[in-house]
C-alpha cells in the first residue's frame, strides 16, 4: 500500500528523475502515466482505505469523489484532459473520439 502510494506520488509530481526514467522504460510503468493507469491505481488505493475504519472509510470516499470528479471534468474539457495525461496506444485506438457530441473531432487532429 505504501509502495503504491509512493509510486503514484512520484508519477504525479514527475520526480525524482531516476524513478520516472525507470518507470518509463518498463512495460508496466508506462501505463501509470495514462489516465487508465492512474485511475486503476487510485481505485486500488481507495479500496485499501475502505478497510481502515473510520478515517480510512472517509478518506476512501473522498478519493472516489476526486477520481470521478476528474473523470467528469475530463469529459467536459477534453483538451485539458489530454494535456495532463498521456495516451497509450490502446487508448488511442479505442477512444479516437471524445464522449461529447459537440467535440466530434479525432484526438489526433486536436494536437
N, C-alpha and C. Protein backbone atom coordinates (compact mmCIF):
# COMPACT_ATOMS: atom_id res chain seq x y z
N UNK A 1 0.83 -1.19 0.00
CA UNK A 1 0.00 0.00 0.00
C UNK A 1 0.87 1.25 0.00
N UNK A 2 1.84 1.28 0.89
CA UNK A 2 2.72 2.45 0.96
C UNK A 2 3.56 2.57 -0.31
N UNK A 3 3.96 1.43 -0.86
CA UNK A 3 4.75 1.45 -2.09
C UNK A 3 3.93 1.97 -3.26
N UNK A 4 2.66 1.54 -3.35
CA UNK A 4 1.78 2.01 -4.42
C UNK A 4 1.55 3.52 -4.30
N UNK A 5 1.36 4.00 -3.09
CA UNK A 5 1.16 5.43 -2.88
C UNK A 5 2.41 6.23 -3.22
N UNK A 6 3.58 5.70 -2.85
CA UNK A 6 4.84 6.39 -3.16
C UNK A 6 5.09 6.44 -4.66
N UNK A 7 4.80 5.35 -5.36
CA UNK A 7 4.99 5.33 -6.81
C UNK A 7 4.05 6.32 -7.48
N UNK A 8 2.80 6.36 -7.05
CA UNK A 8 1.84 7.29 -7.65
C UNK A 8 2.19 8.74 -7.34
N UNK A 9 2.77 8.99 -6.17
CA UNK A 9 3.24 10.35 -5.85
C UNK A 9 4.37 10.74 -6.80
N UNK A 10 5.29 9.83 -7.04
CA UNK A 10 6.38 10.11 -7.98
C UNK A 10 5.86 10.37 -9.39
N UNK A 11 4.85 9.60 -9.82
CA UNK A 11 4.27 9.79 -11.14
C UNK A 11 3.56 11.14 -11.22
N UNK A 12 2.85 11.52 -10.16
CA UNK A 12 2.09 12.77 -10.17
C UNK A 12 3.00 14.00 -10.24
N UNK A 13 4.10 13.97 -9.49
CA UNK A 13 4.98 15.14 -9.48
C UNK A 13 6.14 15.01 -10.47
N UNK A 14 6.23 13.82 -11.13
CA UNK A 14 7.27 13.53 -12.11
C UNK A 14 8.68 13.80 -11.57
N UNK A 15 8.91 13.30 -10.37
CA UNK A 15 10.20 13.47 -9.72
C UNK A 15 10.35 12.34 -8.71
N UNK A 16 11.46 11.85 -8.38
CA UNK A 16 12.81 12.06 -8.89
C UNK A 16 12.99 11.45 -10.28
N UNK A 17 13.90 12.01 -11.01
CA UNK A 17 14.06 11.61 -12.41
C UNK A 17 14.51 10.16 -12.57
N UNK A 18 15.27 9.63 -11.62
CA UNK A 18 15.72 8.23 -11.73
C UNK A 18 14.52 7.28 -11.67
N UNK A 19 13.57 7.55 -10.79
CA UNK A 19 12.37 6.70 -10.68
C UNK A 19 11.50 6.85 -11.92
N UNK A 20 11.33 8.07 -12.39
CA UNK A 20 10.50 8.32 -13.57
C UNK A 20 11.10 7.66 -14.81
N UNK A 21 12.41 7.76 -14.97
CA UNK A 21 13.06 7.10 -16.12
C UNK A 21 12.90 5.59 -16.05
N UNK A 22 13.02 5.02 -14.86
CA UNK A 22 12.83 3.58 -14.70
C UNK A 22 11.40 3.17 -15.06
N UNK A 23 10.41 3.94 -14.59
CA UNK A 23 9.01 3.62 -14.88
C UNK A 23 8.70 3.77 -16.37
N UNK A 24 9.27 4.79 -17.01
CA UNK A 24 9.02 4.99 -18.44
C UNK A 24 9.61 3.89 -19.29
N UNK A 25 10.68 3.25 -18.84
CA UNK A 25 11.31 2.18 -19.60
C UNK A 25 10.65 0.83 -19.36
N UNK A 26 9.90 0.68 -18.27
CA UNK A 26 9.27 -0.62 -18.00
C UNK A 26 7.90 -0.69 -18.69
N UNK A 27 7.50 -1.90 -19.03
CA UNK A 27 6.22 -2.07 -19.75
C UNK A 27 5.03 -1.78 -18.86
N UNK A 28 5.11 -2.09 -17.59
CA UNK A 28 4.00 -1.81 -16.66
C UNK A 28 4.03 -0.35 -16.23
N UNK A 29 5.21 0.18 -16.00
CA UNK A 29 5.34 1.55 -15.51
C UNK A 29 4.81 2.60 -16.46
N UNK A 30 4.95 2.37 -17.76
CA UNK A 30 4.49 3.37 -18.74
C UNK A 30 2.98 3.56 -18.67
N UNK A 31 2.26 2.53 -18.25
CA UNK A 31 0.81 2.63 -18.13
C UNK A 31 0.39 3.55 -16.99
N UNK A 32 1.26 3.77 -16.02
CA UNK A 32 0.93 4.64 -14.89
C UNK A 32 0.80 6.10 -15.30
N UNK A 33 1.36 6.47 -16.44
CA UNK A 33 1.30 7.85 -16.90
C UNK A 33 0.02 8.15 -17.68
N UNK A 34 -0.75 7.13 -18.01
CA UNK A 34 -2.01 7.32 -18.73
C UNK A 34 -3.14 7.48 -17.73
N UNK A 35 -4.27 7.97 -18.20
CA UNK A 35 -5.41 8.14 -17.31
C UNK A 35 -5.89 6.80 -16.78
N UNK A 36 -5.95 5.81 -17.66
CA UNK A 36 -6.45 4.49 -17.25
C UNK A 36 -5.56 3.89 -16.16
N UNK A 37 -4.26 4.04 -16.27
CA UNK A 37 -3.35 3.51 -15.26
C UNK A 37 -3.49 4.21 -13.93
N UNK A 38 -3.58 5.53 -13.95
CA UNK A 38 -3.76 6.27 -12.70
C UNK A 38 -5.11 5.98 -12.07
N UNK A 39 -6.11 5.84 -12.91
CA UNK A 39 -7.46 5.54 -12.45
C UNK A 39 -7.48 4.21 -11.70
N UNK A 40 -6.86 3.19 -12.28
CA UNK A 40 -6.84 1.87 -11.65
C UNK A 40 -6.04 1.88 -10.34
N UNK A 41 -4.92 2.56 -10.32
CA UNK A 41 -4.14 2.63 -9.08
C UNK A 41 -4.87 3.40 -8.00
N UNK A 42 -5.56 4.47 -8.36
CA UNK A 42 -6.33 5.23 -7.37
C UNK A 42 -7.49 4.40 -6.82
N UNK A 43 -8.13 3.62 -7.66
CA UNK A 43 -9.18 2.72 -7.17
C UNK A 43 -8.60 1.67 -6.23
N UNK A 44 -7.44 1.16 -6.56
CA UNK A 44 -6.76 0.18 -5.72
C UNK A 44 -6.46 0.77 -4.34
N UNK A 45 -5.94 1.98 -4.31
CA UNK A 45 -5.62 2.64 -3.05
C UNK A 45 -6.89 2.93 -2.25
N UNK A 46 -7.95 3.37 -2.92
CA UNK A 46 -9.19 3.68 -2.19
C UNK A 46 -9.80 2.42 -1.58
N UNK A 47 -9.66 1.27 -2.23
CA UNK A 47 -10.16 0.02 -1.64
C UNK A 47 -9.41 -0.32 -0.36
N UNK A 48 -8.12 -0.10 -0.34
CA UNK A 48 -7.36 -0.32 0.89
C UNK A 48 -7.79 0.67 1.98
N UNK A 49 -8.08 1.89 1.60
CA UNK A 49 -8.51 2.87 2.60
C UNK A 49 -9.85 2.48 3.22
N UNK A 50 -10.75 1.91 2.44
CA UNK A 50 -12.04 1.48 2.99
C UNK A 50 -11.89 0.40 4.05
N UNK A 51 -10.78 -0.30 4.05
CA UNK A 51 -10.56 -1.37 5.02
C UNK A 51 -10.05 -0.84 6.36
N UNK A 52 -9.88 0.46 6.51
CA UNK A 52 -9.34 1.05 7.74
C UNK A 52 -10.34 2.02 8.37
N UNK A 53 -11.41 1.51 8.97
CA UNK A 53 -12.41 2.41 9.55
C UNK A 53 -11.88 3.13 10.76
N UNK A 54 -12.41 4.24 11.16
CA UNK A 54 -13.39 5.09 10.49
C UNK A 54 -12.74 6.10 9.55
N UNK A 55 -11.47 6.48 9.82
CA UNK A 55 -10.84 7.51 8.99
C UNK A 55 -10.52 7.01 7.58
N UNK A 56 -10.19 5.76 7.46
CA UNK A 56 -9.92 5.19 6.14
C UNK A 56 -11.15 5.20 5.26
N UNK A 57 -12.30 4.96 5.87
CA UNK A 57 -13.55 5.00 5.11
C UNK A 57 -13.81 6.41 4.57
N UNK A 58 -13.58 7.41 5.40
CA UNK A 58 -13.77 8.80 4.97
C UNK A 58 -12.79 9.16 3.86
N UNK A 59 -11.52 8.78 4.03
CA UNK A 59 -10.52 9.10 3.02
C UNK A 59 -10.77 8.32 1.72
N UNK A 60 -11.24 7.08 1.83
CA UNK A 60 -11.57 6.30 0.64
C UNK A 60 -12.71 6.93 -0.14
N UNK A 61 -13.73 7.42 0.59
CA UNK A 61 -14.86 8.08 -0.07
C UNK A 61 -14.41 9.37 -0.75
N UNK A 62 -13.56 10.14 -0.08
CA UNK A 62 -13.03 11.37 -0.69
C UNK A 62 -12.19 11.06 -1.93
N UNK A 63 -11.42 9.99 -1.87
CA UNK A 63 -10.63 9.59 -3.03
C UNK A 63 -11.52 9.24 -4.21
N UNK A 64 -12.59 8.51 -3.96
CA UNK A 64 -13.52 8.16 -5.04
C UNK A 64 -14.20 9.39 -5.62
N UNK A 65 -14.57 10.35 -4.77
CA UNK A 65 -15.17 11.60 -5.25
C UNK A 65 -14.19 12.33 -6.16
N UNK A 66 -12.94 12.39 -5.77
CA UNK A 66 -11.92 13.06 -6.59
C UNK A 66 -11.70 12.32 -7.91
N UNK A 67 -11.66 11.00 -7.87
CA UNK A 67 -11.45 10.22 -9.09
C UNK A 67 -12.57 10.49 -10.09
N UNK A 68 -13.81 10.39 -9.62
CA UNK A 68 -14.94 10.59 -10.53
C UNK A 68 -15.10 12.06 -10.92
N UNK A 69 -14.68 12.98 -10.05
CA UNK A 69 -14.70 14.40 -10.41
C UNK A 69 -13.72 14.71 -11.53
N UNK A 70 -12.54 14.12 -11.46
CA UNK A 70 -11.54 14.31 -12.52
C UNK A 70 -12.06 13.72 -13.83
N UNK A 71 -12.70 12.57 -13.75
CA UNK A 71 -13.27 11.95 -14.96
C UNK A 71 -14.35 12.83 -15.57
N UNK A 72 -15.21 13.41 -14.72
CA UNK A 72 -16.28 14.29 -15.20
C UNK A 72 -15.68 15.53 -15.87
N UNK A 73 -14.67 16.13 -15.26
CA UNK A 73 -14.03 17.30 -15.87
C UNK A 73 -13.33 16.93 -17.17
N UNK A 74 -12.80 15.72 -17.25
CA UNK A 74 -12.15 15.28 -18.48
C UNK A 74 -13.12 15.16 -19.64
N UNK A 75 -14.35 14.79 -19.34
CA UNK A 75 -15.37 14.69 -20.38
C UNK A 75 -15.78 16.09 -20.84
N UNK A 76 -15.87 17.02 -19.89
CA UNK A 76 -16.29 18.38 -20.23
C UNK A 76 -15.18 19.20 -20.88
N UNK A 77 -13.93 18.96 -20.51
CA UNK A 77 -12.79 19.71 -21.05
C UNK A 77 -11.75 18.73 -21.60
N UNK A 78 -11.99 18.13 -22.76
CA UNK A 78 -11.08 17.09 -23.26
C UNK A 78 -9.68 17.60 -23.60
N UNK A 79 -9.53 18.85 -23.99
CA UNK A 79 -8.20 19.36 -24.32
C UNK A 79 -7.31 19.44 -23.08
N UNK A 80 -7.86 19.91 -21.98
CA UNK A 80 -7.09 19.97 -20.74
C UNK A 80 -6.77 18.57 -20.24
N UNK A 81 -7.70 17.67 -20.42
CA UNK A 81 -7.53 16.29 -20.00
C UNK A 81 -6.37 15.64 -20.75
N UNK A 82 -6.26 15.89 -22.04
CA UNK A 82 -5.18 15.31 -22.84
C UNK A 82 -3.82 15.91 -22.52
N UNK A 83 -3.80 17.13 -21.99
CA UNK A 83 -2.53 17.74 -21.60
C UNK A 83 -2.00 17.15 -20.30
N UNK A 84 -2.89 16.74 -19.40
CA UNK A 84 -2.49 16.21 -18.10
C UNK A 84 -2.01 14.77 -18.22
N UNK A 85 -2.73 13.95 -18.97
CA UNK A 85 -2.44 12.52 -19.05
C UNK A 85 -1.90 12.16 -20.42
N UNK A 86 -0.99 11.22 -20.47
CA UNK A 86 -0.51 10.68 -21.74
C UNK A 86 -1.54 9.69 -22.25
N UNK A 87 -1.55 9.49 -23.55
CA UNK A 87 -2.44 8.49 -24.13
C UNK A 87 -1.61 7.30 -24.58
N UNK A 88 -2.03 6.11 -24.18
CA UNK A 88 -1.35 4.91 -24.63
C UNK A 88 -1.85 4.54 -26.02
N UNK A 89 -1.17 3.61 -26.66
CA UNK A 89 -1.58 3.17 -27.99
C UNK A 89 -2.96 2.50 -27.95
N UNK A 90 -3.24 1.76 -26.90
CA UNK A 90 -4.53 1.08 -26.76
C UNK A 90 -5.65 2.09 -26.63
N UNK A 91 -5.45 3.12 -25.81
CA UNK A 91 -6.47 4.15 -25.63
C UNK A 91 -6.67 4.95 -26.91
N UNK A 92 -5.60 5.20 -27.65
CA UNK A 92 -5.71 5.98 -28.87
C UNK A 92 -6.52 5.26 -29.93
N UNK A 93 -6.40 3.95 -29.98
CA UNK A 93 -7.14 3.17 -30.97
C UNK A 93 -8.61 3.07 -30.63
N UNK A 94 -8.93 2.87 -29.35
CA UNK A 94 -10.33 2.66 -28.98
C UNK A 94 -11.07 3.96 -28.70
N UNK A 95 -10.37 5.00 -28.26
CA UNK A 95 -11.01 6.25 -27.88
C UNK A 95 -10.64 7.36 -28.85
N UNK A 96 -10.88 7.19 -30.13
CA UNK A 96 -10.46 8.20 -31.09
C UNK A 96 -11.38 9.41 -31.09
N UNK A 97 -12.54 9.30 -30.47
CA UNK A 97 -13.46 10.43 -30.37
C UNK A 97 -13.79 10.67 -28.91
N UNK A 98 -14.08 11.91 -28.58
CA UNK A 98 -14.44 12.24 -27.22
C UNK A 98 -15.87 11.81 -26.95
N UNK A 99 -16.29 11.90 -25.70
CA UNK A 99 -17.63 11.48 -25.33
C UNK A 99 -18.68 12.54 -25.64
N UNK A 100 -18.29 13.76 -25.76
CA UNK A 100 -19.23 14.84 -26.04
C UNK A 100 -19.47 14.94 -27.53
N UNK A 101 -20.72 15.01 -27.95
CA UNK A 101 -21.03 15.06 -29.37
C UNK A 101 -20.60 16.38 -30.01
N UNK A 102 -20.52 17.46 -29.22
CA UNK A 102 -20.12 18.74 -29.80
C UNK A 102 -18.63 18.79 -30.10
N UNK A 103 -17.86 17.84 -29.58
CA UNK A 103 -16.43 17.78 -29.82
C UNK A 103 -16.08 16.61 -30.73
N UNK A 104 -16.87 16.32 -31.73
CA UNK A 104 -16.65 15.16 -32.58
C UNK A 104 -15.49 15.37 -33.55
N UNK A 105 -14.32 15.50 -33.00
CA UNK A 105 -13.11 15.59 -33.82
C UNK A 105 -12.16 14.51 -33.34
N UNK A 106 -11.40 13.90 -34.22
CA UNK A 106 -10.44 12.87 -33.78
C UNK A 106 -9.41 13.47 -32.82
N UNK A 107 -8.95 12.67 -31.90
CA UNK A 107 -7.98 13.11 -30.90
C UNK A 107 -6.69 13.58 -31.57
N UNK A 108 -6.28 12.92 -32.64
CA UNK A 108 -5.02 13.27 -33.29
C UNK A 108 -5.08 14.64 -33.97
N UNK A 109 -6.29 15.09 -34.37
CA UNK A 109 -6.40 16.40 -35.04
C UNK A 109 -6.33 17.55 -34.06
N UNK A 110 -6.55 17.34 -32.78
CA UNK A 110 -6.57 18.44 -31.82
C UNK A 110 -5.20 18.83 -31.32
N UNK A 111 -4.17 18.10 -31.65
CA UNK A 111 -2.85 18.43 -31.13
C UNK A 111 -2.20 19.39 -32.00
